[in-house]
Amino acid sequence: MSVVAEFTIPTDAFALKHTFDTVPDATVEIERLATHSREWVMPFLWVTSNDLEAVERSLEADPDIQEVRTLDVAGDIGYFNVHWSEHLQRLIDEIVDQRGIVQEAEAKNGRWYLKLKFVDESVLEKFQAHFRGRDRTFELQRLYRGIEPKERRYDLTPEQREVLTTAREMGYFEVPRETQIEELAAELGISTNSVSQRLRRATDNLVGNTLTVPTPSGVPNAK
């Protein structure tokens, strides 16, 4: 059965150490393409920073990048097309050769957060053993089945998923609202306080698992 593994790895063992050293407030999200070409596995970067001009300069000077092109800038978000340097391309090849499928890649505070998919746990174990001997230890933070239901993927309990979907169906999130919390409580057969708590916790879990880069324990938050 396929498994999905979430790893952290420092930038000096993966990519863009120079950029994060130069612009420490930057947050990077890689937009990947489903392609067999090594040059187009991770060709686009979304970068959030208070100083995008400094980001552009640091990306141009970063030894992990051969060429960078600014595609769009809006406020504090920049969209860049990058061609990785040969040593980074070799690392990408190595990950692919070890049968790891990169699903997500984000970074902040000098650390990468990677989500990789493997056909089964034995392949994951071989992947970890391979990189342990090459000074590129991928620190496992979370492991779950590749066919895990969406509510588990977003850390939603069945009760939280139920309250969210019911609230949406009844128009609770419409502007103006088409239903009130008392009506949700009656529909679900629980108290208004329980509805309120489940909505808050479910929303927090969704935001934390979809819109933010999770920071494992021991990794300092950006100030």
N, C-alpha and C. Protein backbone atom coordinates (compact mmCIF):
# COMPACT_ATOMS: atom_id res chain seq x y z
N MET A 1 0.84 -1.20 0.00
CA MET A 1 0.00 0.00 0.00
C MET A 1 0.88 1.25 0.00
N SER A 2 0.52 2.24 -0.81
CA SER A 2 1.32 3.45 -0.91
C SER A 2 1.27 4.24 0.39
N VAL A 3 2.36 4.99 0.65
CA VAL A 3 2.44 5.82 1.85
C VAL A 3 2.90 7.21 1.46
N VAL A 4 2.50 8.20 2.25
CA VAL A 4 2.94 9.58 2.07
C VAL A 4 3.75 9.96 3.30
N ALA A 5 4.94 10.47 3.07
CA ALA A 5 5.83 10.85 4.15
C ALA A 5 6.11 12.34 4.09
N GLU A 6 6.01 13.00 5.24
CA GLU A 6 6.34 14.42 5.34
C GLU A 6 7.67 14.55 6.06
N PHE A 7 8.63 15.22 5.40
CA PHE A 7 9.98 15.35 5.90
C PHE A 7 10.33 16.82 6.13
N THR A 8 11.34 17.04 6.98
CA THR A 8 12.02 18.32 7.02
C THR A 8 13.49 18.07 6.71
N ILE A 9 14.12 19.08 6.10
CA ILE A 9 15.53 19.01 5.79
C ILE A 9 16.08 20.44 5.72
N PRO A 10 17.23 20.72 6.31
CA PRO A 10 17.79 22.08 6.27
C PRO A 10 18.11 22.52 4.85
N THR A 11 18.08 23.83 4.64
CA THR A 11 18.36 24.34 3.30
C THR A 11 19.77 24.00 2.84
N ASP A 12 20.73 23.91 3.77
CA ASP A 12 22.10 23.61 3.34
C ASP A 12 22.26 22.17 2.88
N ALA A 13 21.25 21.33 3.17
CA ALA A 13 21.29 19.95 2.69
C ALA A 13 20.35 19.74 1.51
N PHE A 14 19.64 20.82 1.11
CA PHE A 14 18.69 20.66 0.01
C PHE A 14 18.83 21.79 -1.01
N ALA A 15 18.29 22.97 -0.72
CA ALA A 15 18.33 24.03 -1.73
C ALA A 15 18.11 25.40 -1.11
N LEU A 16 18.65 26.43 -1.78
CA LEU A 16 18.41 27.85 -1.52
C LEU A 16 18.94 28.35 -0.18
N LYS A 17 20.00 27.77 0.32
CA LYS A 17 20.59 28.25 1.57
C LYS A 17 20.99 29.72 1.45
N HIS A 18 21.62 30.10 0.33
CA HIS A 18 22.04 31.49 0.15
C HIS A 18 20.85 32.44 0.22
N THR A 19 19.76 32.07 -0.43
CA THR A 19 18.58 32.93 -0.46
C THR A 19 18.01 33.13 0.94
N PHE A 20 17.90 32.05 1.71
CA PHE A 20 17.34 32.17 3.05
C PHE A 20 18.30 32.86 4.01
N ASP A 21 19.60 32.71 3.79
CA ASP A 21 20.56 33.46 4.61
C ASP A 21 20.47 34.95 4.33
N THR A 22 20.20 35.30 3.07
CA THR A 22 20.15 36.70 2.65
C THR A 22 18.82 37.35 2.99
N VAL A 23 17.72 36.60 2.79
CA VAL A 23 16.38 37.12 3.05
C VAL A 23 15.67 36.16 4.01
N PRO A 24 15.98 36.25 5.30
CA PRO A 24 15.48 35.24 6.25
C PRO A 24 13.98 35.23 6.45
N ASP A 25 13.28 36.32 6.07
CA ASP A 25 11.83 36.32 6.26
C ASP A 25 11.10 35.63 5.12
N ALA A 26 11.82 35.20 4.09
CA ALA A 26 11.18 34.63 2.90
C ALA A 26 10.51 33.29 3.20
N THR A 27 9.38 33.07 2.53
CA THR A 27 8.71 31.77 2.52
C THR A 27 8.59 31.35 1.07
N VAL A 28 9.00 30.11 0.78
CA VAL A 28 9.04 29.62 -0.60
C VAL A 28 8.14 28.41 -0.75
N GLU A 29 7.36 28.41 -1.80
CA GLU A 29 6.55 27.24 -2.15
C GLU A 29 6.88 26.86 -3.59
N ILE A 30 7.24 25.60 -3.79
CA ILE A 30 7.57 25.14 -5.14
C ILE A 30 6.31 24.63 -5.83
N GLU A 31 6.11 25.09 -7.05
CA GLU A 31 5.01 24.58 -7.88
C GLU A 31 5.63 23.60 -8.87
N ARG A 32 5.25 22.33 -8.75
CA ARG A 32 5.84 21.30 -9.58
C ARG A 32 4.91 20.95 -10.74
N LEU A 33 5.49 20.32 -11.75
CA LEU A 33 4.73 19.84 -12.88
C LEU A 33 4.85 18.33 -12.97
N ALA A 34 3.80 17.67 -13.44
CA ALA A 34 3.86 16.23 -13.65
C ALA A 34 4.55 15.98 -14.99
N THR A 35 5.84 15.72 -14.93
CA THR A 35 6.62 15.57 -16.15
C THR A 35 7.78 14.62 -15.92
N HIS A 36 8.26 14.03 -16.98
CA HIS A 36 9.41 13.14 -16.89
C HIS A 36 10.71 13.90 -17.14
N SER A 37 10.64 15.16 -17.50
CA SER A 37 11.84 15.95 -17.75
C SER A 37 12.40 16.45 -16.44
N ARG A 38 13.66 16.17 -16.18
CA ARG A 38 14.29 16.57 -14.91
C ARG A 38 14.28 18.09 -14.74
N GLU A 39 14.31 18.85 -15.84
CA GLU A 39 14.35 20.30 -15.75
C GLU A 39 13.00 20.92 -15.39
N TRP A 40 11.93 20.12 -15.48
CA TRP A 40 10.61 20.68 -15.24
C TRP A 40 9.88 19.98 -14.10
N VAL A 41 10.64 19.36 -13.20
CA VAL A 41 10.01 18.77 -12.04
C VAL A 41 9.60 19.84 -11.03
N MET A 42 10.46 20.84 -10.82
CA MET A 42 10.17 21.91 -9.86
C MET A 42 10.55 23.26 -10.48
N PRO A 43 9.83 23.69 -11.52
CA PRO A 43 10.29 24.86 -12.28
C PRO A 43 9.83 26.22 -11.78
N PHE A 44 8.84 26.27 -10.85
CA PHE A 44 8.28 27.56 -10.45
C PHE A 44 8.32 27.72 -8.93
N LEU A 45 8.60 28.95 -8.51
CA LEU A 45 8.64 29.28 -7.09
C LEU A 45 7.64 30.40 -6.79
N TRP A 46 6.85 30.22 -5.74
CA TRP A 46 6.07 31.30 -5.16
C TRP A 46 6.83 31.75 -3.92
N VAL A 47 7.20 33.01 -3.86
CA VAL A 47 7.99 33.52 -2.74
C VAL A 47 7.24 34.68 -2.09
N THR A 48 7.09 34.59 -0.77
CA THR A 48 6.49 35.67 0.01
C THR A 48 7.57 36.32 0.85
N SER A 49 7.67 37.65 0.76
CA SER A 49 8.69 38.38 1.51
C SER A 49 8.34 39.85 1.54
N ASN A 50 8.83 40.54 2.56
CA ASN A 50 8.64 41.99 2.64
C ASN A 50 9.59 42.74 1.71
N ASP A 51 10.58 42.03 1.15
CA ASP A 51 11.56 42.67 0.27
C ASP A 51 11.81 41.78 -0.94
N LEU A 52 10.91 41.87 -1.91
CA LEU A 52 11.02 41.01 -3.08
C LEU A 52 12.19 41.40 -3.98
N GLU A 53 12.60 42.65 -3.93
CA GLU A 53 13.79 43.03 -4.71
C GLU A 53 15.01 42.30 -4.18
N ALA A 54 15.11 42.19 -2.86
CA ALA A 54 16.22 41.43 -2.27
C ALA A 54 16.10 39.95 -2.61
N VAL A 55 14.88 39.45 -2.69
CA VAL A 55 14.67 38.05 -3.08
C VAL A 55 15.18 37.81 -4.50
N GLU A 56 14.82 38.73 -5.42
CA GLU A 56 15.27 38.58 -6.80
C GLU A 56 16.79 38.57 -6.88
N ARG A 57 17.44 39.47 -6.17
CA ARG A 57 18.91 39.53 -6.19
C ARG A 57 19.52 38.26 -5.60
N SER A 58 18.93 37.78 -4.50
CA SER A 58 19.49 36.59 -3.85
C SER A 58 19.28 35.34 -4.70
N LEU A 59 18.15 35.24 -5.39
CA LEU A 59 17.91 34.10 -6.27
C LEU A 59 18.90 34.11 -7.44
N GLU A 60 19.17 35.30 -7.97
CA GLU A 60 20.12 35.41 -9.08
C GLU A 60 21.53 35.01 -8.65
N ALA A 61 21.85 35.24 -7.36
CA ALA A 61 23.19 34.93 -6.87
C ALA A 61 23.28 33.55 -6.21
N ASP A 62 22.15 32.87 -6.07
CA ASP A 62 22.14 31.60 -5.36
C ASP A 62 22.81 30.52 -6.21
N PRO A 63 23.82 29.81 -5.66
CA PRO A 63 24.51 28.78 -6.43
C PRO A 63 23.65 27.58 -6.79
N ASP A 64 22.48 27.45 -6.15
CA ASP A 64 21.58 26.34 -6.48
C ASP A 64 20.76 26.62 -7.73
N ILE A 65 20.84 27.86 -8.24
CA ILE A 65 20.03 28.24 -9.41
C ILE A 65 20.94 28.67 -10.55
N GLN A 66 20.67 28.11 -11.70
CA GLN A 66 21.44 28.47 -12.90
C GLN A 66 20.87 29.71 -13.57
N GLU A 67 19.55 29.79 -13.58
CA GLU A 67 18.89 30.93 -14.24
C GLU A 67 17.54 31.15 -13.58
N VAL A 68 17.16 32.43 -13.38
CA VAL A 68 15.88 32.76 -12.78
C VAL A 68 15.22 33.87 -13.57
N ARG A 69 13.91 33.78 -13.69
CA ARG A 69 13.14 34.80 -14.40
C ARG A 69 11.93 35.18 -13.57
N THR A 70 11.74 36.48 -13.34
CA THR A 70 10.58 36.95 -12.59
C THR A 70 9.37 36.97 -13.50
N LEU A 71 8.33 36.23 -13.13
CA LEU A 71 7.12 36.15 -13.95
C LEU A 71 6.05 37.13 -13.49
N ASP A 72 5.95 37.33 -12.18
CA ASP A 72 4.90 38.22 -11.69
C ASP A 72 5.22 38.64 -10.26
N VAL A 73 4.86 39.85 -9.90
CA VAL A 73 5.01 40.35 -8.54
C VAL A 73 3.74 41.08 -8.17
N ALA A 74 3.17 40.73 -7.02
CA ALA A 74 1.95 41.40 -6.54
C ALA A 74 2.06 41.55 -5.03
N GLY A 75 2.23 42.78 -4.58
CA GLY A 75 2.38 43.00 -3.15
C GLY A 75 3.65 42.36 -2.62
N ASP A 76 3.49 41.46 -1.67
CA ASP A 76 4.66 40.79 -1.09
C ASP A 76 4.85 39.37 -1.62
N ILE A 77 4.22 39.06 -2.77
CA ILE A 77 4.33 37.73 -3.35
C ILE A 77 4.94 37.82 -4.74
N GLY A 78 5.97 37.01 -4.97
CA GLY A 78 6.61 36.95 -6.28
C GLY A 78 6.52 35.56 -6.87
N TYR A 79 6.42 35.49 -8.20
CA TYR A 79 6.32 34.21 -8.92
C TYR A 79 7.50 34.13 -9.87
N PHE A 80 8.33 33.09 -9.70
CA PHE A 80 9.59 32.99 -10.43
C PHE A 80 9.70 31.65 -11.17
N ASN A 81 10.30 31.72 -12.34
CA ASN A 81 10.66 30.51 -13.09
C ASN A 81 12.16 30.29 -12.90
N VAL A 82 12.54 29.10 -12.44
CA VAL A 82 13.95 28.83 -12.17
C VAL A 82 14.43 27.61 -12.94
N HIS A 83 15.70 27.66 -13.34
CA HIS A 83 16.41 26.49 -13.87
C HIS A 83 17.47 26.16 -12.83
N TRP A 84 17.34 24.98 -12.22
CA TRP A 84 18.23 24.60 -11.14
C TRP A 84 19.63 24.27 -11.66
N SER A 85 20.61 24.50 -10.80
CA SER A 85 21.99 24.16 -11.14
C SER A 85 22.14 22.65 -11.26
N GLU A 86 23.22 22.23 -11.90
CA GLU A 86 23.42 20.81 -12.17
C GLU A 86 23.43 19.97 -10.91
N HIS A 87 24.06 20.47 -9.82
CA HIS A 87 24.11 19.66 -8.60
C HIS A 87 22.73 19.48 -8.00
N LEU A 88 21.83 20.46 -8.16
CA LEU A 88 20.46 20.31 -7.69
C LEU A 88 19.69 19.34 -8.58
N GLN A 89 19.94 19.42 -9.88
CA GLN A 89 19.30 18.49 -10.80
C GLN A 89 19.68 17.05 -10.46
N ARG A 90 20.95 16.85 -10.08
CA ARG A 90 21.39 15.50 -9.72
C ARG A 90 20.67 15.02 -8.46
N LEU A 91 20.46 15.94 -7.49
CA LEU A 91 19.74 15.56 -6.29
C LEU A 91 18.29 15.19 -6.62
N ILE A 92 17.66 15.96 -7.49
CA ILE A 92 16.30 15.65 -7.92
C ILE A 92 16.27 14.28 -8.58
N ASP A 93 17.26 14.01 -9.45
CA ASP A 93 17.35 12.70 -10.08
C ASP A 93 17.47 11.60 -9.04
N GLU A 94 18.27 11.88 -8.00
CA GLU A 94 18.51 10.89 -6.95
C GLU A 94 17.22 10.57 -6.20
N ILE A 95 16.44 11.59 -5.92
CA ILE A 95 15.15 11.38 -5.25
C ILE A 95 14.24 10.53 -6.12
N VAL A 96 14.20 10.85 -7.42
CA VAL A 96 13.36 10.09 -8.35
C VAL A 96 13.87 8.66 -8.47
N ASP A 97 15.19 8.49 -8.53
CA ASP A 97 15.77 7.15 -8.64
C ASP A 97 15.43 6.30 -7.42
N GLN A 98 15.28 6.95 -6.27
CA GLN A 98 14.90 6.23 -5.05
C GLN A 98 13.38 6.10 -4.92
N ARG A 99 12.71 6.41 -6.03
CA ARG A 99 11.26 6.19 -6.16
C ARG A 99 10.43 7.05 -5.22
N GLY A 100 10.93 8.25 -4.97
CA GLY A 100 10.16 9.22 -4.20
C GLY A 100 9.47 10.20 -5.13
N ILE A 101 8.18 10.36 -4.99
CA ILE A 101 7.40 11.28 -5.82
C ILE A 101 7.14 12.55 -5.02
N VAL A 102 7.72 13.67 -5.46
CA VAL A 102 7.56 14.93 -4.74
C VAL A 102 6.15 15.47 -4.98
N GLN A 103 5.37 15.57 -3.92
CA GLN A 103 4.01 16.11 -4.02
C GLN A 103 3.96 17.58 -3.61
N GLU A 104 4.70 17.95 -2.58
CA GLU A 104 4.73 19.34 -2.12
C GLU A 104 6.13 19.66 -1.62
N ALA A 105 6.53 20.92 -1.77
CA ALA A 105 7.83 21.37 -1.25
C ALA A 105 7.70 22.83 -0.87
N GLU A 106 7.88 23.12 0.41
CA GLU A 106 7.79 24.48 0.92
C GLU A 106 8.94 24.72 1.89
N ALA A 107 9.29 25.98 2.08
CA ALA A 107 10.42 26.29 2.97
C ALA A 107 10.22 27.62 3.66
N LYS A 108 10.72 27.69 4.90
CA LYS A 108 10.82 28.94 5.64
C LYS A 108 11.79 28.70 6.80
N ASN A 109 12.30 29.79 7.35
CA ASN A 109 13.23 29.72 8.48
C ASN A 109 14.42 28.80 8.20
N GLY A 110 14.85 28.76 6.95
CA GLY A 110 16.02 27.96 6.62
C GLY A 110 15.78 26.46 6.63
N ARG A 111 14.54 26.03 6.48
CA ARG A 111 14.24 24.60 6.53
C ARG A 111 13.15 24.26 5.50
N TRP A 112 13.34 23.14 4.82
CA TRP A 112 12.37 22.67 3.84
C TRP A 112 11.39 21.69 4.49
N TYR A 113 10.16 21.72 4.00
CA TYR A 113 9.11 20.80 4.41
C TYR A 113 8.64 20.11 3.14
N LEU A 114 8.93 18.81 3.04
CA LEU A 114 8.66 18.06 1.82
C LEU A 114 7.62 16.98 2.06
N LYS A 115 6.74 16.81 1.10
CA LYS A 115 5.79 15.71 1.13
C LYS A 115 6.09 14.80 -0.06
N LEU A 116 6.48 13.56 0.23
CA LEU A 116 6.85 12.61 -0.80
C LEU A 116 5.96 11.37 -0.71
N LYS A 117 5.65 10.80 -1.86
CA LYS A 117 4.83 9.59 -1.90
C LYS A 117 5.68 8.41 -2.35
N PHE A 118 5.45 7.24 -1.73
CA PHE A 118 6.18 6.02 -2.04
C PHE A 118 5.18 4.89 -2.25
N VAL A 119 5.59 3.90 -3.05
CA VAL A 119 4.66 2.81 -3.36
C VAL A 119 4.37 1.96 -2.12
N ASP A 120 5.32 1.84 -1.19
CA ASP A 120 5.08 1.14 0.07
C ASP A 120 6.16 1.53 1.07
N GLU A 121 6.03 1.05 2.30
CA GLU A 121 6.95 1.45 3.37
C GLU A 121 8.37 0.92 3.15
N SER A 122 8.51 -0.22 2.48
CA SER A 122 9.86 -0.75 2.25
C SER A 122 10.66 0.18 1.34
N VAL A 123 10.00 0.79 0.37
CA VAL A 123 10.67 1.75 -0.51
C VAL A 123 11.04 3.00 0.28
N LEU A 124 10.17 3.45 1.16
CA LEU A 124 10.47 4.59 2.03
C LEU A 124 11.71 4.30 2.88
N GLU A 125 11.79 3.11 3.46
CA GLU A 125 12.94 2.75 4.30
C GLU A 125 14.23 2.77 3.49
N LYS A 126 14.19 2.28 2.26
CA LYS A 126 15.38 2.29 1.40
C LYS A 126 15.76 3.73 1.05
N PHE A 127 14.76 4.58 0.83
CA PHE A 127 14.99 5.99 0.54
C PHE A 127 15.74 6.65 1.70
N GLN A 128 15.26 6.42 2.92
CA GLN A 128 15.90 7.02 4.09
C GLN A 128 17.32 6.50 4.29
N ALA A 129 17.51 5.21 4.11
CA ALA A 129 18.84 4.62 4.27
C ALA A 129 19.80 5.17 3.23
N HIS A 130 19.32 5.35 2.02
CA HIS A 130 20.17 5.87 0.94
C HIS A 130 20.70 7.26 1.28
N PHE A 131 19.83 8.15 1.74
CA PHE A 131 20.24 9.53 1.97
C PHE A 131 20.95 9.72 3.31
N ARG A 132 20.74 8.81 4.25
CA ARG A 132 21.46 8.92 5.51
C ARG A 132 22.97 8.83 5.30
N GLY A 133 23.36 8.05 4.33
CA GLY A 133 24.78 7.89 4.05
C GLY A 133 25.36 8.97 3.16
N ARG A 134 24.57 9.98 2.84
CA ARG A 134 25.03 11.04 1.94
C ARG A 134 24.85 12.43 2.55
N ASP A 135 24.82 12.49 3.88
CA ASP A 135 24.70 13.78 4.59
C ASP A 135 23.47 14.57 4.17
N ARG A 136 22.41 13.89 3.81
CA ARG A 136 21.15 14.55 3.45
C ARG A 136 20.01 13.85 4.19
N THR A 137 20.09 13.87 5.50
CA THR A 137 19.09 13.17 6.30
C THR A 137 17.74 13.88 6.20
N PHE A 138 16.78 13.15 5.65
CA PHE A 138 15.41 13.63 5.59
C PHE A 138 14.73 13.21 6.90
N GLU A 139 14.42 14.18 7.75
CA GLU A 139 13.85 13.86 9.06
C GLU A 139 12.34 13.67 8.94
N LEU A 140 11.90 12.46 9.21
CA LEU A 140 10.48 12.12 9.06
C LEU A 140 9.66 12.78 10.16
N GLN A 141 8.62 13.51 9.76
CA GLN A 141 7.74 14.19 10.71
C GLN A 141 6.37 13.53 10.80
N ARG A 142 5.92 12.95 9.68
CA ARG A 142 4.58 12.39 9.65
C ARG A 142 4.49 11.35 8.55
N LEU A 143 3.77 10.27 8.81
CA LEU A 143 3.61 9.19 7.83
C LEU A 143 2.16 8.73 7.83
N TYR A 144 1.57 8.61 6.63
CA TYR A 144 0.20 8.11 6.55
C TYR A 144 -0.02 7.41 5.22
N ARG A 145 -1.08 6.66 5.15
CA ARG A 145 -1.38 5.87 3.96
C ARG A 145 -1.75 6.78 2.80
N GLY A 146 -1.36 6.34 1.60
CA GLY A 146 -1.62 7.16 0.42
C GLY A 146 -3.08 7.28 0.06
N ILE A 147 -3.91 6.36 0.58
CA ILE A 147 -5.34 6.41 0.27
C ILE A 147 -6.14 6.90 1.48
N GLU A 148 -5.44 7.56 2.41
CA GLU A 148 -6.11 8.06 3.60
C GLU A 148 -7.22 9.04 3.22
N PRO A 149 -8.39 8.97 3.85
CA PRO A 149 -9.48 9.89 3.54
C PRO A 149 -9.05 11.34 3.72
N LYS A 150 -9.70 12.24 2.98
CA LYS A 150 -9.32 13.65 3.02
C LYS A 150 -9.44 14.24 4.42
N GLU A 151 -10.46 13.82 5.18
CA GLU A 151 -10.60 14.41 6.50
C GLU A 151 -9.42 14.05 7.39
N ARG A 152 -8.81 12.84 7.20
CA ARG A 152 -7.63 12.47 7.97
C ARG A 152 -6.43 13.27 7.50
N ARG A 153 -6.35 13.50 6.19
CA ARG A 153 -5.23 14.25 5.65
C ARG A 153 -5.18 15.65 6.22
N TYR A 154 -6.35 16.24 6.46
CA TYR A 154 -6.39 17.60 6.98
C TYR A 154 -6.59 17.61 8.50
N ASP A 155 -6.38 16.47 9.15
CA ASP A 155 -6.51 16.34 10.60
C ASP A 155 -7.92 16.66 11.09
N LEU A 156 -8.92 16.37 10.25
CA LEU A 156 -10.30 16.58 10.66
C LEU A 156 -10.86 15.29 11.27
N THR A 157 -11.55 15.42 12.39
CA THR A 157 -12.28 14.29 12.93
C THR A 157 -13.58 14.14 12.12
N PRO A 158 -14.21 12.96 12.17
CA PRO A 158 -15.50 12.81 11.46
C PRO A 158 -16.52 13.85 11.91
N GLU A 159 -16.52 14.18 13.21
CA GLU A 159 -17.46 15.17 13.73
C GLU A 159 -17.18 16.56 13.16
N GLN A 160 -15.90 16.90 13.04
CA GLN A 160 -15.54 18.21 12.48
C GLN A 160 -15.91 18.29 11.00
N ARG A 161 -15.68 17.21 10.28
CA ARG A 161 -16.05 17.20 8.86
C ARG A 161 -17.56 17.34 8.71
N GLU A 162 -18.30 16.65 9.57
CA GLU A 162 -19.76 16.71 9.51
C GLU A 162 -20.27 18.12 9.75
N VAL A 163 -19.71 18.80 10.76
CA VAL A 163 -20.20 20.14 11.06
C VAL A 163 -19.85 21.12 9.95
N LEU A 164 -18.68 20.97 9.33
CA LEU A 164 -18.30 21.85 8.23
C LEU A 164 -19.20 21.65 7.01
N THR A 165 -19.40 20.39 6.64
CA THR A 165 -20.21 20.13 5.44
C THR A 165 -21.67 20.51 5.66
N THR A 166 -22.17 20.25 6.86
CA THR A 166 -23.55 20.63 7.16
C THR A 166 -23.72 22.14 7.16
N ALA A 167 -22.75 22.84 7.75
CA ALA A 167 -22.80 24.30 7.77
C ALA A 167 -22.79 24.86 6.35
N ARG A 168 -21.99 24.28 5.49
CA ARG A 168 -21.94 24.76 4.10
C ARG A 168 -23.26 24.48 3.39
N GLU A 169 -23.78 23.27 3.56
CA GLU A 169 -25.04 22.91 2.89
C GLU A 169 -26.20 23.78 3.35
N MET A 170 -26.20 24.19 4.61
CA MET A 170 -27.29 24.99 5.14
C MET A 170 -27.07 26.49 4.98
N GLY A 171 -25.96 26.89 4.32
CA GLY A 171 -25.74 28.30 4.03
C GLY A 171 -25.15 29.10 5.17
N TYR A 172 -24.52 28.42 6.14
CA TYR A 172 -23.95 29.13 7.29
C TYR A 172 -22.82 30.07 6.87
N PHE A 173 -22.09 29.72 5.79
CA PHE A 173 -20.96 30.53 5.36
C PHE A 173 -21.33 31.57 4.30
N GLU A 174 -22.62 31.62 3.92
CA GLU A 174 -23.05 32.61 2.94
C GLU A 174 -23.07 33.99 3.56
N VAL A 175 -23.04 35.02 2.69
CA VAL A 175 -23.13 36.41 3.15
C VAL A 175 -24.32 37.05 2.45
N PRO A 176 -25.41 37.39 3.19
CA PRO A 176 -25.59 37.13 4.63
C PRO A 176 -25.87 35.65 4.89
N ARG A 177 -25.71 35.25 6.14
CA ARG A 177 -25.93 33.86 6.51
C ARG A 177 -27.38 33.45 6.26
N GLU A 178 -27.52 32.21 5.76
CA GLU A 178 -28.86 31.67 5.52
C GLU A 178 -29.35 30.82 6.67
N THR A 179 -28.47 30.54 7.62
CA THR A 179 -28.85 29.76 8.79
C THR A 179 -28.02 30.22 9.98
N GLN A 180 -28.51 29.96 11.16
CA GLN A 180 -27.82 30.37 12.38
C GLN A 180 -27.29 29.15 13.13
N ILE A 181 -26.41 29.40 14.10
CA ILE A 181 -25.75 28.30 14.81
C ILE A 181 -26.77 27.44 15.56
N GLU A 182 -27.88 28.05 16.00
CA GLU A 182 -28.91 27.28 16.70
C GLU A 182 -29.55 26.26 15.76
N GLU A 183 -29.73 26.64 14.48
CA GLU A 183 -30.31 25.72 13.51
C GLU A 183 -29.34 24.59 13.17
N LEU A 184 -28.03 24.92 13.12
CA LEU A 184 -27.04 23.88 12.91
C LEU A 184 -27.06 22.88 14.07
N ALA A 185 -27.15 23.41 15.28
CA ALA A 185 -27.17 22.54 16.45
C ALA A 185 -28.38 21.61 16.41
N ALA A 186 -29.54 22.13 16.03
CA ALA A 186 -30.75 21.31 15.95
C ALA A 186 -30.60 20.24 14.87
N GLU A 187 -30.03 20.61 13.74
CA GLU A 187 -29.84 19.66 12.64
C GLU A 187 -28.91 18.52 13.04
N LEU A 188 -27.84 18.87 13.79
CA LEU A 188 -26.83 17.88 14.17
C LEU A 188 -27.16 17.17 15.48
N GLY A 189 -28.14 17.70 16.22
CA GLY A 189 -28.52 17.08 17.48
C GLY A 189 -27.51 17.28 18.59
N ILE A 190 -26.80 18.42 18.56
CA ILE A 190 -25.81 18.73 19.59
C ILE A 190 -26.05 20.16 20.08
N SER A 191 -25.33 20.56 21.12
CA SER A 191 -25.51 21.90 21.67
C SER A 191 -24.87 22.96 20.78
N THR A 192 -25.30 24.20 20.95
CA THR A 192 -24.70 25.30 20.18
C THR A 192 -23.23 25.47 20.55
N ASN A 193 -22.87 25.22 21.80
CA ASN A 193 -21.49 25.32 22.23
C ASN A 193 -20.62 24.28 21.51
N SER A 194 -21.15 23.06 21.35
CA SER A 194 -20.41 22.01 20.64
C SER A 194 -20.23 22.37 19.17
N VAL A 195 -21.27 22.94 18.55
CA VAL A 195 -21.16 23.37 17.16
C VAL A 195 -20.06 24.42 17.03
N SER A 196 -20.08 25.41 17.92
CA SER A 196 -19.09 26.48 17.86
C SER A 196 -17.67 25.94 18.02
N GLN A 197 -17.47 25.04 18.98
CA GLN A 197 -16.14 24.49 19.20
C GLN A 197 -15.67 23.67 18.00
N ARG A 198 -16.56 22.84 17.44
CA ARG A 198 -16.17 22.01 16.30
C ARG A 198 -15.85 22.86 15.07
N LEU A 199 -16.62 23.91 14.87
CA LEU A 199 -16.35 24.80 13.74
C LEU A 199 -14.98 25.46 13.88
N ARG A 200 -14.68 25.96 15.07
CA ARG A 200 -13.39 26.63 15.29
C ARG A 200 -12.23 25.66 15.09
N ARG A 201 -12.34 24.47 15.70
CA ARG A 201 -11.25 23.50 15.60
C ARG A 201 -11.09 22.98 14.18
N ALA A 202 -12.21 22.76 13.49
CA ALA A 202 -12.14 22.28 12.11
C ALA A 202 -11.52 23.32 11.20
N THR A 203 -11.90 24.57 11.38
CA THR A 203 -11.33 25.65 10.57
C THR A 203 -9.84 25.79 10.83
N ASP A 204 -9.44 25.71 12.10
CA ASP A 204 -8.02 25.80 12.44
C ASP A 204 -7.23 24.66 11.79
N ASN A 205 -7.78 23.44 11.82
CA ASN A 205 -7.10 22.30 11.20
C ASN A 205 -6.99 22.46 9.69
N LEU A 206 -8.05 22.94 9.06
CA LEU A 206 -8.02 23.13 7.61
C LEU A 206 -6.98 24.18 7.22
N VAL A 207 -6.98 25.31 7.91
CA VAL A 207 -6.02 26.37 7.61
C VAL A 207 -4.60 25.87 7.86
N GLY A 208 -4.40 25.19 8.98
CA GLY A 208 -3.07 24.72 9.33
C GLY A 208 -2.51 23.70 8.38
N ASN A 209 -3.41 22.94 7.71
CA ASN A 209 -2.96 21.87 6.82
C ASN A 209 -3.06 22.21 5.34
N THR A 210 -3.56 23.41 5.02
CA THR A 210 -3.67 23.78 3.61
C THR A 210 -3.03 25.12 3.27
N LEU A 211 -3.05 26.07 4.18
CA LEU A 211 -2.60 27.43 3.86
C LEU A 211 -1.30 27.83 4.53
N THR A 212 -0.80 27.04 5.45
CA THR A 212 0.42 27.41 6.15
C THR A 212 1.44 26.30 6.03
N VAL A 213 2.71 26.67 6.25
CA VAL A 213 3.79 25.70 6.28
C VAL A 213 3.95 25.23 7.71
N PRO A 214 3.69 23.95 8.00
CA PRO A 214 3.79 23.49 9.38
C PRO A 214 5.22 23.54 9.88
N THR A 215 5.40 23.95 11.13
CA THR A 215 6.72 24.01 11.74
C THR A 215 6.82 22.94 12.81
N PRO A 216 7.63 21.92 12.61
CA PRO A 216 7.78 20.87 13.60
C PRO A 216 8.35 21.41 14.89
N SER A 217 8.17 20.67 15.98
CA SER A 217 8.71 21.08 17.27
C SER A 217 10.22 21.18 17.18
N GLY A 218 10.77 22.21 17.82
CA GLY A 218 12.21 22.41 17.80
C GLY A 218 12.67 23.34 16.71
N VAL A 219 11.75 23.71 15.78
CA VAL A 219 12.10 24.64 14.71
C VAL A 219 11.51 25.99 15.05
N PRO A 220 12.30 27.05 15.20
CA PRO A 220 11.78 28.35 15.64
C PRO A 220 10.89 28.98 14.58
N ASN A 221 9.86 29.67 15.03
CA ASN A 221 8.98 30.41 14.13
C ASN A 221 9.64 31.70 13.71
N ALA A 222 9.24 32.17 12.55
CA ALA A 222 9.75 33.46 12.07
C ALA A 222 9.21 34.58 12.97
N LYS A 223 10.04 35.58 13.17
CA LYS A 223 9.61 36.71 13.99
C LYS A 223 9.29 37.89 13.09
